[in-house]
Protein backbone atom coordinates (compact mmCIF):
# COMPACT_ATOMS: atom_id res chain seq x y z
CA ASN A 1 16.83 1.85 -22.38
CA ASP A 2 18.08 3.45 -19.14
CA LEU A 3 14.76 2.98 -17.35
CA ALA A 4 14.62 0.15 -14.79
CA VAL A 5 10.87 -0.19 -15.39
CA GLN A 6 8.91 -3.01 -16.99
CA LYS A 7 8.76 -2.53 -20.77
CA LYS A 8 5.02 -3.17 -20.71
CA LYS A 9 4.40 -0.24 -18.36
CA ILE A 10 6.52 2.07 -20.49
CA GLU A 11 4.54 1.05 -23.57
CA GLU A 12 1.22 1.63 -21.77
CA VAL A 13 2.21 5.18 -20.75
CA GLU A 14 3.58 5.95 -24.23
CA THR A 15 0.43 4.63 -25.93
CA TRP A 16 -1.79 6.74 -23.69
CA LEU A 17 0.25 9.88 -24.33
CA ARG A 18 0.23 9.39 -28.10
CA THR A 19 -3.53 8.75 -28.11
CA HIS A 20 -4.52 11.74 -25.97
CA VAL A 21 -1.96 14.26 -27.26
CA PHE A 22 -1.25 13.58 -30.94
CA GLN A 23 -4.48 11.75 -31.90
CA ARG A 24 -6.83 13.98 -29.93
CA GLN A 25 -10.04 15.09 -31.67
CA PRO A 26 -10.71 18.85 -32.00
CA LYS A 27 -13.79 18.86 -29.75
CA GLN A 28 -12.55 16.18 -27.36
CA GLY A 29 -12.51 17.13 -23.69
CA GLY A 30 -9.67 16.79 -21.24
CA SER A 31 -8.26 13.40 -20.29
CA VAL A 32 -6.78 12.29 -16.96
CA LEU A 33 -4.09 9.68 -16.34
CA LEU A 34 -3.37 8.24 -12.90
CA LEU A 35 0.03 6.62 -12.26
CA THR A 36 0.21 4.58 -9.05
CA GLY A 37 2.78 2.29 -7.47
CA PRO A 38 5.23 2.04 -4.56
CA PRO A 39 7.83 4.78 -4.01
CA GLY A 40 10.94 4.56 -6.16
CA CYS A 41 9.49 2.38 -8.93
CA GLY A 42 10.09 4.91 -11.73
CA LYS A 43 6.70 6.59 -12.19
CA THR A 44 7.95 10.17 -12.49
CA ALA A 45 11.11 9.24 -14.41
CA THR A 46 9.09 7.26 -16.97
CA LEU A 47 6.74 10.17 -17.63
CA GLN A 48 9.53 12.76 -17.81
CA ILE A 49 11.64 10.72 -20.24
CA LEU A 50 8.69 9.83 -22.49
CA ALA A 51 7.57 13.47 -22.55
CA ARG A 52 11.08 14.52 -23.56
CA ASP A 53 11.29 11.89 -26.31
CA LEU A 54 7.86 12.85 -27.65
CA GLY A 55 8.65 16.56 -27.56
CA LEU A 56 6.01 17.41 -24.92
CA GLN A 57 6.19 20.35 -22.54
CA VAL A 58 5.61 19.31 -18.90
CA GLN A 59 3.98 21.92 -16.70
CA GLU A 60 4.18 20.66 -13.12
CA TRP A 61 2.19 21.86 -10.14
CA THR A 62 4.09 22.55 -6.90
CA ASN A 63 2.35 23.47 -3.67
CA PRO A 64 3.07 27.21 -3.17
CA LEU A 65 4.40 28.81 -0.01
CA SER A 66 2.82 31.90 1.48
CA LEU A 67 5.15 34.79 0.64
CA ASP A 68 3.12 37.45 2.41
CA PHE A 69 3.39 35.85 5.85
CA THR A 70 5.26 38.26 8.17
CA LYS A 71 6.41 38.27 11.78
CA GLU A 72 3.52 40.58 12.64
CA ASP A 73 1.04 38.03 11.24
CA LEU A 74 2.65 35.30 13.36
CA ARG A 75 2.50 37.49 16.47
CA ASN A 76 -1.19 38.24 15.85
CA MET A 77 -2.01 34.56 15.34
CA PHE A 78 -0.55 33.52 18.70
CA ASP A 79 -1.85 36.50 20.62
CA HIS A 80 -4.07 35.60 23.58
CA ASP A 81 -7.06 37.27 21.93
CA SER A 82 -6.55 35.54 18.57
CA ASP A 83 -9.07 32.99 17.26
CA PHE A 84 -6.61 31.50 14.70
CA HIS A 85 -8.96 32.44 11.84
CA THR A 86 -6.79 35.16 10.25
CA PHE A 87 -4.23 33.16 8.31
CA PRO A 88 -3.04 35.54 5.54
CA SER A 89 -2.87 33.18 2.58
CA GLN A 90 -5.07 32.11 -0.30
CA ALA A 91 -6.62 28.64 -0.24
CA GLN A 92 -4.57 26.00 -2.05
CA ALA A 93 -7.67 24.69 -3.80
CA ALA A 94 -8.27 28.09 -5.45
CA LEU A 95 -4.61 28.34 -6.45
CA PHE A 96 -4.70 24.83 -7.90
CA GLN A 97 -7.84 25.56 -9.91
CA ASP A 98 -6.27 28.79 -11.21
CA PHE A 99 -3.11 26.87 -12.18
CA LEU A 100 -5.10 24.34 -14.21
CA LEU A 101 -6.96 27.16 -15.97
CA ARG A 102 -3.77 29.02 -16.89
CA ALA A 103 -1.81 25.90 -17.85
CA ASN A 104 -4.66 24.84 -20.12
CA LYS A 105 -5.12 28.28 -21.68
CA TYR A 106 -1.59 29.61 -22.14
CA ASN A 107 1.58 28.11 -23.61
CA LYS A 108 4.98 28.17 -21.97
CA LEU A 109 7.13 31.29 -22.43
CA GLN A 110 9.47 31.01 -25.42
CA MET A 111 13.07 31.26 -24.25
CA LEU A 112 15.99 32.25 -26.45
CA GLY A 113 17.29 29.27 -28.43
CA GLU A 114 14.26 27.05 -27.85
CA SER A 115 12.35 25.59 -30.78
CA SER A 116 8.74 26.64 -31.28
CA GLU A 117 7.79 23.80 -33.60
CA ASN A 118 5.87 21.75 -31.05
CA ASP A 119 3.48 23.36 -28.59
CA LYS A 120 2.05 20.09 -27.27
CA LYS A 121 2.08 19.80 -23.50
CA LEU A 122 0.78 17.93 -20.49
CA ILE A 123 0.08 18.94 -16.90
CA LEU A 124 1.75 16.94 -14.12
CA VAL A 125 0.48 16.87 -10.52
CA GLU A 126 2.55 14.93 -8.01
CA ASP A 127 2.45 17.28 -5.02
CA ILE A 128 -1.31 17.20 -4.31
CA PRO A 129 -2.65 20.01 -2.07
CA ASN A 130 -3.39 18.85 1.47
CA GLN A 131 -6.87 20.34 1.39
CA PHE A 132 -7.99 17.66 -1.07
CA TYR A 133 -7.16 14.89 1.41
CA ARG A 134 -9.58 16.46 3.89
CA ASP A 135 -12.20 17.33 1.27
CA PRO A 136 -11.89 15.11 -1.87
CA GLY A 137 -15.18 16.52 -3.18
CA SER A 138 -13.52 19.87 -4.00
CA LEU A 139 -10.94 18.04 -6.15
CA HIS A 140 -13.73 16.15 -7.94
CA GLU A 141 -15.50 19.40 -8.85
CA ILE A 142 -12.28 20.89 -10.22
CA LEU A 143 -11.65 17.75 -12.29
CA ARG A 144 -15.19 17.81 -13.72
CA SER A 145 -14.64 21.38 -14.87
CA PHE A 146 -11.21 20.49 -16.28
CA VAL A 147 -12.50 17.53 -18.31
CA ARG A 148 -15.22 19.70 -19.89
CA THR A 149 -12.94 22.56 -20.96
CA SER A 150 -9.37 21.26 -21.19
CA ARG A 151 -7.26 20.95 -24.34
CA CYS A 152 -4.31 19.01 -22.87
CA PRO A 153 -3.98 15.87 -20.71
CA LEU A 154 -3.57 15.86 -16.94
CA VAL A 155 -1.37 13.30 -15.16
CA PHE A 156 -1.54 12.52 -11.42
CA ILE A 157 1.22 10.49 -9.71
CA ILE A 158 0.38 8.86 -6.36
CA SER A 159 2.65 6.57 -4.36
CA ASP A 160 0.98 3.59 -2.72
CA ASN A 161 0.94 2.94 0.99
CA PHE A 162 1.90 -0.57 2.09
CA SER A 163 -0.57 -0.54 4.98
CA GLY A 164 -3.49 -0.55 2.53
CA ASP A 165 -4.64 2.97 3.43
CA SER A 166 -4.03 4.22 -0.10
CA ASN A 167 -4.61 7.86 -1.04
CA GLN A 168 -5.87 6.66 -4.40
CA ARG A 169 -9.12 5.32 -2.92
CA SER A 170 -9.93 8.58 -1.12
CA LEU A 171 -8.93 10.99 -3.89
CA PHE A 172 -10.08 8.89 -6.83
CA PRO A 173 -12.97 6.60 -5.81
CA ALA A 174 -14.42 4.16 -8.31
CA GLU A 175 -17.42 6.34 -9.20
CA ILE A 176 -15.20 9.34 -10.06
CA VAL A 177 -12.84 7.16 -12.11
CA GLU A 178 -15.80 5.84 -14.10
CA GLU A 179 -17.50 9.22 -14.49
CA LEU A 180 -14.41 11.10 -15.72
CA CYS A 181 -12.91 8.11 -17.64
CA ILE A 182 -9.67 8.30 -15.63
CA PHE A 183 -7.12 5.78 -16.91
CA ASN A 184 -5.04 4.09 -14.22
CA ILE A 185 -1.61 2.51 -14.81
CA SER A 186 -0.19 0.71 -11.78
CA PHE A 187 3.59 0.29 -11.52
CA LYS A 188 5.25 -2.56 -9.63
CA PRO A 189 8.49 -2.53 -7.60
CA VAL A 190 11.63 -2.65 -9.73
CA ALA A 191 12.70 -6.23 -10.45
CA PRO A 192 16.11 -7.29 -9.02
CA THR A 193 17.48 -8.06 -12.49
CA ASN A 194 16.63 -4.59 -13.82
CA MET A 195 17.98 -2.97 -10.67
CA MET A 196 21.26 -4.91 -10.99
CA LYS A 197 21.73 -3.66 -14.58
CA VAL A 198 21.20 -0.05 -13.50
CA LEU A 199 23.50 -0.29 -10.48
CA ASN A 200 26.23 -1.96 -12.55
CA ARG A 201 26.03 0.79 -15.15
CA ILE A 202 26.08 3.57 -12.53
CA ALA A 203 28.93 1.98 -10.54
CA ALA A 204 31.07 1.54 -13.64
CA ALA A 205 30.43 5.11 -14.84
CA GLU A 206 31.19 6.67 -11.45
CA ALA A 207 34.34 4.59 -10.96
CA SER A 208 35.70 5.65 -14.37
CA MET A 209 35.09 9.34 -13.69
CA ASN A 210 36.16 9.52 -10.03
CA ARG A 211 38.71 6.80 -9.39
CA GLU A 212 40.31 8.76 -6.54
CA LYS A 213 37.08 9.10 -4.54
CA ASN A 214 35.05 6.02 -5.51
CA TYR A 215 35.72 2.32 -5.98
CA THR A 216 33.62 -0.32 -7.78
CA LEU A 217 31.64 -2.80 -5.68
CA ASP A 218 31.70 -6.45 -6.66
CA ARG A 219 28.65 -8.37 -7.83
CA THR A 220 27.91 -9.87 -4.40
CA SER A 221 27.80 -6.42 -2.81
CA LEU A 222 25.47 -5.11 -5.50
CA GLU A 223 23.12 -8.07 -5.05
CA LEU A 224 22.96 -7.31 -1.33
CA LEU A 225 22.10 -3.70 -2.14
CA CYS A 226 19.27 -4.84 -4.43
CA ARG A 227 17.81 -7.15 -1.79
CA GLY A 228 17.92 -4.50 0.89
CA CYS A 229 16.02 -1.85 -1.07
CA SER A 230 12.73 -3.74 -1.63
CA GLY A 231 12.34 -2.69 -5.26
CA ASP A 232 13.01 1.03 -4.58
CA ILE A 233 15.54 2.13 -7.22
CA ARG A 234 15.93 5.55 -5.59
CA SER A 235 16.93 3.99 -2.27
CA ALA A 236 19.29 1.57 -4.07
CA ILE A 237 21.12 4.41 -5.85
CA ASN A 238 21.50 6.34 -2.59
CA SER A 239 22.90 3.24 -0.87
CA LEU A 240 25.28 2.68 -3.79
CA GLN A 241 26.54 6.25 -3.51
CA PHE A 242 27.43 5.85 0.17
CA SER A 243 28.84 2.34 -0.26
CA SER A 244 31.16 3.38 -3.12
CA THR A 245 32.81 6.23 -1.23
CA LYS A 246 36.40 5.49 -0.25
CA ASP A 247 36.41 8.06 2.52
CA CYS A 248 33.55 6.32 4.36
CA SER A 249 35.33 4.05 6.87
CA LEU A 250 32.01 2.71 8.19
CA GLU A 251 31.05 1.27 4.78
CA LYS A 252 34.53 -0.19 4.22
CA GLU A 253 34.42 -1.90 7.61
CA PHE A 254 30.94 -3.28 6.84
CA TRP A 255 31.93 -4.82 3.51
CA SER A 256 35.11 -6.41 4.88
CA LYS A 257 33.17 -7.87 7.80
CA LYS A 258 30.41 -9.07 5.43
CA LYS A 259 32.88 -10.91 3.19
CA LYS A 260 34.61 -12.57 6.15
CA SER A 261 31.29 -13.71 7.68
CA SER A 262 30.08 -15.09 4.34
CA THR A 263 33.31 -17.08 3.96
CA ILE A 264 32.93 -18.57 7.43
CA LYS A 265 29.28 -19.45 6.81
CA CYS A 266 30.07 -21.26 3.58
CA GLU A 267 32.63 -23.42 5.39
CA GLU A 268 30.16 -24.64 8.03
CA ALA A 269 29.25 -28.31 7.76
CA GLY A 270 26.55 -30.61 9.06
CA VAL A 271 23.62 -28.49 7.81
CA SER A 272 21.46 -29.25 4.79
CA LYS A 273 21.86 -27.04 1.70
CA VAL A 274 18.30 -25.69 1.80
CA ARG A 275 18.48 -24.77 5.47
CA LYS A 276 21.93 -23.18 5.10
CA LYS A 277 20.73 -21.09 2.17
CA ARG A 278 17.71 -19.91 4.12
CA LYS A 279 19.80 -18.91 7.15
CA CYS A 280 22.34 -17.09 5.00
CA GLU A 281 19.59 -15.13 3.26
CA THR A 282 18.01 -14.18 6.60
CA SER A 283 21.26 -12.91 8.08
CA GLU A 284 22.15 -11.02 4.90
CA ASN A 285 18.77 -9.28 4.84
CA GLN A 286 19.31 -8.17 8.44
CA GLU A 287 22.88 -6.96 7.86
CA ILE A 288 22.15 -5.11 4.64
CA GLN A 289 20.09 -2.54 6.58
CA ALA A 290 23.36 -1.24 8.02
CA ILE A 291 24.19 0.56 4.75
CA GLY A 292 20.94 2.46 4.42
CA GLY A 293 18.75 -0.29 3.06
CA LYS A 294 15.00 0.26 3.00
CA ASP A 295 12.75 -1.52 5.49
CA ALA A 296 11.20 -4.50 3.77
CA SER A 297 7.48 -4.16 3.09
CA ILE A 298 4.88 -6.57 1.77
CA PHE A 299 1.54 -5.70 0.21
CA LEU A 300 -1.45 -6.86 2.21
CA PHE A 301 -2.73 -9.63 -0.05
CA HIS A 302 0.81 -10.87 -0.67
CA ALA A 303 1.26 -11.13 3.11
CA LEU A 304 -2.06 -12.99 3.44
CA GLY A 305 -0.97 -15.43 0.74
CA LYS A 306 2.26 -16.19 2.59
CA ILE A 307 0.26 -17.06 5.72
CA ILE A 308 -2.52 -19.06 4.06
CA TYR A 309 -0.35 -20.99 1.61
CA CYS A 310 2.31 -21.49 4.36
CA LYS A 311 5.17 -23.02 2.41
CA ARG A 312 7.29 -25.51 4.36
CA GLU A 313 10.79 -26.93 4.19
CA ALA A 314 11.28 -30.60 3.39
CA VAL A 315 13.24 -32.42 6.14
CA SER A 316 13.96 -36.06 6.72
CA GLU A 317 12.66 -38.11 9.64
CA ALA A 318 16.08 -38.14 11.27
CA GLU A 319 16.47 -34.32 11.24
CA SER A 320 13.02 -33.49 12.60
CA PRO A 321 12.34 -33.84 16.34
CA GLN A 322 10.10 -36.76 17.21
CA LEU A 323 6.87 -36.13 19.11
CA PRO A 324 5.25 -38.58 21.55
CA ALA A 325 2.68 -40.94 20.11
CA HIS A 326 -0.30 -39.05 21.55
CA LEU A 327 0.96 -35.79 19.88
CA SER A 328 1.97 -37.28 16.52
CA GLU A 329 -0.99 -35.64 14.77
CA HIS A 330 0.58 -32.24 15.50
CA ARG A 331 3.83 -32.97 13.64
CA ARG A 332 4.59 -30.31 11.00
CA ASP A 333 7.52 -29.60 8.70
CA PRO A 334 9.40 -26.35 9.49
CA LEU A 335 7.99 -23.16 7.97
CA LEU A 336 9.91 -21.16 5.40
CA ILE A 337 8.48 -17.94 6.87
CA GLN A 338 8.12 -16.27 10.24
CA PRO A 339 4.45 -15.23 10.63
CA GLU A 340 5.32 -12.39 13.02
CA ASP A 341 7.73 -10.89 10.45
CA ILE A 342 5.07 -11.11 7.74
CA VAL A 343 2.54 -9.20 9.85
CA GLU A 344 5.14 -6.58 10.74
CA LYS A 345 6.14 -6.04 7.12
CA SER A 346 2.50 -5.61 6.09
CA HIS A 347 2.46 -2.36 8.15
CA MET A 348 -0.98 -3.20 9.55
CA SER A 349 -2.17 -3.56 13.11
CA GLY A 350 -2.56 -7.09 14.42
CA SER A 351 -6.33 -6.83 14.81
CA MET A 352 -6.78 -5.52 11.25
CA PHE A 353 -4.61 -8.31 9.81
CA ASN A 354 -6.70 -10.83 11.78
CA LEU A 355 -9.84 -9.43 10.13
CA TYR A 356 -8.52 -10.18 6.64
CA LEU A 357 -7.29 -13.60 7.75
CA HIS A 358 -10.67 -14.44 9.31
CA GLN A 359 -12.49 -13.49 6.11
CA ASN A 360 -10.35 -15.61 3.77
CA TYR A 361 -8.99 -18.65 5.60
CA MET A 362 -11.93 -21.02 5.05
CA ASP A 363 -11.46 -21.24 1.26
CA PHE A 364 -8.09 -22.90 1.85
CA PHE A 365 -9.29 -25.63 4.23
CA PHE A 366 -10.64 -29.04 3.22
CA ASP A 367 -11.53 -30.63 6.58
CA ILE A 368 -14.28 -29.36 8.88
CA ASP A 369 -12.26 -30.32 11.97
CA ASP A 370 -9.43 -28.09 10.75
CA VAL A 371 -11.88 -25.21 10.32
CA VAL A 372 -13.17 -25.70 13.88
CA ARG A 373 -9.62 -25.70 15.25
CA ALA A 374 -8.66 -22.57 13.29
CA SER A 375 -11.80 -20.73 14.40
CA GLU A 376 -10.90 -21.46 18.03
CA TYR A 377 -7.48 -19.90 17.53
CA LEU A 378 -9.07 -16.83 15.90
CA SER A 379 -11.53 -16.54 18.80
CA THR A 380 -8.63 -16.65 21.26
CA ALA A 381 -6.88 -13.93 19.27
CA ASP A 382 -10.02 -11.76 19.53
CA VAL A 383 -10.10 -12.22 23.31
CA LEU A 384 -6.49 -11.04 23.60
CA CYS A 385 -7.47 -7.70 21.98
CA SER A 386 -10.84 -7.32 23.68
CA ASN A 387 -9.63 -4.93 26.40
CA TRP A 388 -8.99 -1.47 24.96
CA SER A 389 -6.49 -0.55 27.71
CA THR A 390 -4.12 -3.45 26.87
CA ARG A 391 -4.83 -3.66 23.14
CA PRO A 392 -1.68 -1.80 21.96
CA VAL A 393 0.49 -4.29 23.86
CA MET A 394 -1.50 -7.43 23.09
CA GLU A 395 -2.01 -6.88 19.35
CA SER A 396 1.30 -8.48 18.42
CA TYR A 397 0.46 -11.54 20.56
CA SER A 398 -3.01 -11.68 19.04
CA ALA A 399 -1.63 -11.65 15.48
CA SER A 400 0.89 -14.35 16.41
CA VAL A 401 -1.81 -16.62 17.83
CA ALA A 402 -4.12 -16.08 14.84
CA THR A 403 -1.51 -16.58 12.11
CA ARG A 404 0.26 -19.53 13.70
CA GLY A 405 -3.06 -21.08 14.71
CA VAL A 406 -4.44 -20.92 11.16
CA ILE A 407 -1.20 -22.32 9.75
CA HIS A 408 -1.04 -25.16 12.26
CA SER A 409 -4.73 -26.08 11.91
CA ASN A 410 -4.52 -26.70 8.15
CA THR A 411 -3.49 -30.38 8.06
CA SER A 412 -3.72 -30.40 4.25
CA ARG A 413 -0.53 -28.31 4.22
CA ALA A 414 1.27 -29.95 7.13
CA SER A 415 4.29 -31.15 5.15
CA ALA A 416 6.36 -29.89 2.24
CA HIS A 417 5.17 -32.57 -0.20
CA GLN A 418 1.55 -31.38 0.26
CA GLN A 419 2.21 -27.86 -1.10
CA GLY A 420 0.75 -28.25 -4.60
CA GLY A 421 -2.71 -28.75 -6.01
CA MET A 422 -4.52 -25.79 -4.43
CA GLY A 423 -4.29 -23.32 -7.30
CA PHE A 424 -5.20 -19.65 -7.19
CA ARG A 425 -7.97 -18.54 -4.81
CA PRO A 426 -9.17 -14.92 -4.77
CA LEU A 427 -8.86 -12.96 -1.52
CA HIS A 428 -11.66 -10.70 -0.29
CA LYS A 429 -12.11 -7.61 1.83
CA PRO A 430 -13.57 -8.34 5.31
CA GLN A 431 -17.33 -8.17 5.48
CA TRP A 432 -16.88 -6.51 8.87
CA PHE A 433 -16.31 -3.13 7.18
CA LEU A 434 -19.73 -3.22 5.50
CA ILE A 435 -21.45 -4.43 8.68
CA ASN A 436 -19.76 -1.80 10.84
CA LYS A 437 -20.71 0.94 8.37
CA LYS A 438 -24.32 -0.25 8.40
CA TYR A 439 -24.27 -0.37 12.20
CA GLN A 440 -23.06 3.25 12.45
CA GLU A 441 -25.73 4.40 9.98
CA ASN A 442 -28.45 2.53 11.92
CA CYS A 443 -27.34 4.12 15.20
CA LEU A 444 -27.58 7.62 13.74
CA ALA A 445 -30.97 6.87 12.15
CA ALA A 446 -32.38 5.34 15.35
CA LYS A 447 -31.20 8.29 17.41
CA SER A 448 -32.86 10.81 15.08
CA LEU A 449 -36.12 8.92 14.39
CA PHE A 450 -36.83 7.76 17.96
CA SER A 451 -35.37 10.62 20.01
CA SER A 452 -38.58 10.88 22.06
CA PHE A 453 -37.91 7.50 23.73
CA CYS A 454 -34.70 8.84 25.35
CA LEU A 455 -32.81 5.54 24.91
CA PRO A 456 -29.29 4.88 23.60
CA PRO A 457 -29.12 3.66 19.98
CA GLU A 458 -28.04 0.16 21.08
CA CYS A 459 -31.06 -0.23 23.37
CA LEU A 460 -33.38 1.09 20.67
CA GLN A 461 -32.22 -1.53 18.15
CA THR A 462 -31.97 -4.51 20.52
CA GLU A 463 -34.90 -3.92 22.91
CA LEU A 464 -37.48 -1.39 21.69
CA LEU A 465 -37.58 -1.87 17.90
CA PRO A 466 -37.99 -5.69 17.97
CA TYR A 467 -40.96 -5.17 20.32
CA LEU A 468 -42.51 -2.47 18.10
CA ALA A 469 -42.05 -4.70 15.05
CA MET A 470 -44.43 -7.25 16.58
CA LEU A 471 -47.23 -4.68 17.02
CA ALA A 472 -49.76 -3.98 14.27
CA ASN A 473 -49.40 -0.21 13.69
CA PRO A 474 -47.15 1.24 16.38
CA MET A 475 -46.09 4.34 14.41
CA ARG A 476 -47.63 6.72 11.88
CA ASN A 477 -44.36 8.12 10.50
CA GLN A 478 -43.43 6.28 7.29
CA ALA A 479 -39.69 6.70 7.96
CA GLN A 480 -40.10 5.11 11.40
CA ILE A 481 -42.16 2.24 9.96
CA ALA A 482 -39.57 1.53 7.27
CA PHE A 483 -36.73 1.59 9.80
CA ILE A 484 -38.60 -0.78 12.14
CA GLN A 485 -39.20 -3.22 9.29
CA ASP A 486 -35.52 -3.05 8.33
CA VAL A 487 -33.98 -3.37 11.81
CA GLY A 488 -36.68 -4.84 14.00
CA ARG A 489 -36.97 -8.19 12.18
CA LEU A 490 -34.17 -10.66 11.55
CA PRO A 491 -33.67 -11.51 7.85
CA LEU A 492 -34.80 -14.90 6.62
CA LYS A 493 -31.61 -15.31 4.58
CA ARG A 494 -29.24 -17.44 6.59
CA HIS A 495 -26.16 -17.62 4.39
CA PHE A 496 -24.67 -14.23 3.60
CA GLY A 497 -22.61 -13.95 0.47
CA ARG A 498 -19.57 -11.82 0.01
């Protein structure tokens, strides 16, 4: 009951543990569970509490430190004659494999006063050795051996990365997940309602125990804490700890200033209720970072949805500025979002975000003229990032042009009353990744198969191979003939699917 996690996720983890620990068949191999989700969403706490309630021993792996590393070793490493190949420590991969073997084979030591009724256990890995990020294949071999010989389950916990470069895809690709029957449970950020319940309970408990040092925050302050932590319960509790301290003059000054500013804002007149609410929320989200709030982040496809669906605010004719007659077709209701903030919170580069936008925008347009206009904006955004020397500076401008151009071009969503009726549309990964991968493979193949022509790979594929493809039998090597037929002729298929 103390967990601020969705009940469904807790039930999924509990069901998996019961199935693979208590209902395990005698000759059944090892089983692997993968818990993923953003930081601070309760992955580790859920597993630890369920293991305690079920009476399971948790044997956790921690990356070891080299204890036999001395000053003399350090001096030898940085000597002018050293080749940096004499690091006096055992490889982490070997230590990790030895840990899995021992944890699977031997039970925990029986301490005085502990019950020996239940010897069921699980192995927890949250601190993954760095070597596996460089060479995931070594981890896959260890897991194959573990699944064949293990008698207890293995649980990995991986925190997601908001930029989309997730460690899960590199360490646990789809083929390994399917081969080893790895079960994945994905956690979501903690909901504001659950976070409020936890913070209320913690604040009340701390205030009752330490009335001299701490004071209880009101409901408004706790709501601001929840909004500033982006679903990270760990960050929210840390912020609550600092905000509740009476000795912290900075926090006291912040809360008094926040209450005064909110009172003044509520007394302002002449602004519509929707607009006033939006402005108040924006200013609160900016001010809440002053008490240790977490930087707001948005998952990639959530950010794309905010741009493509582009929700707008309903305003009357009198409130909106009037455009000249020849520009009336460009009239739009105000946006409820700032596209530049969305791109920034996605933690992706502007050019990468443009790739995803370019791949998915057409499914949300209904007029061919709108598609033409949006494609022109995307082309302009590409030109802004075309020069590698100015790309770091121009990427933010490129993303702004692309996002605002796509939003403005979609006349079917020009006003607030046109927001409904589109329904759910799936978003896709850019086809550019597959094409670029194929291009790199073709360059390496052309360079190795036609090295005698002494031409760059680009010239081979664009100048020489199309010419050789038109000849009857230009080559005798079957590999060269197959490559010429694959690259030297354009495909007859005109419409490429996803």
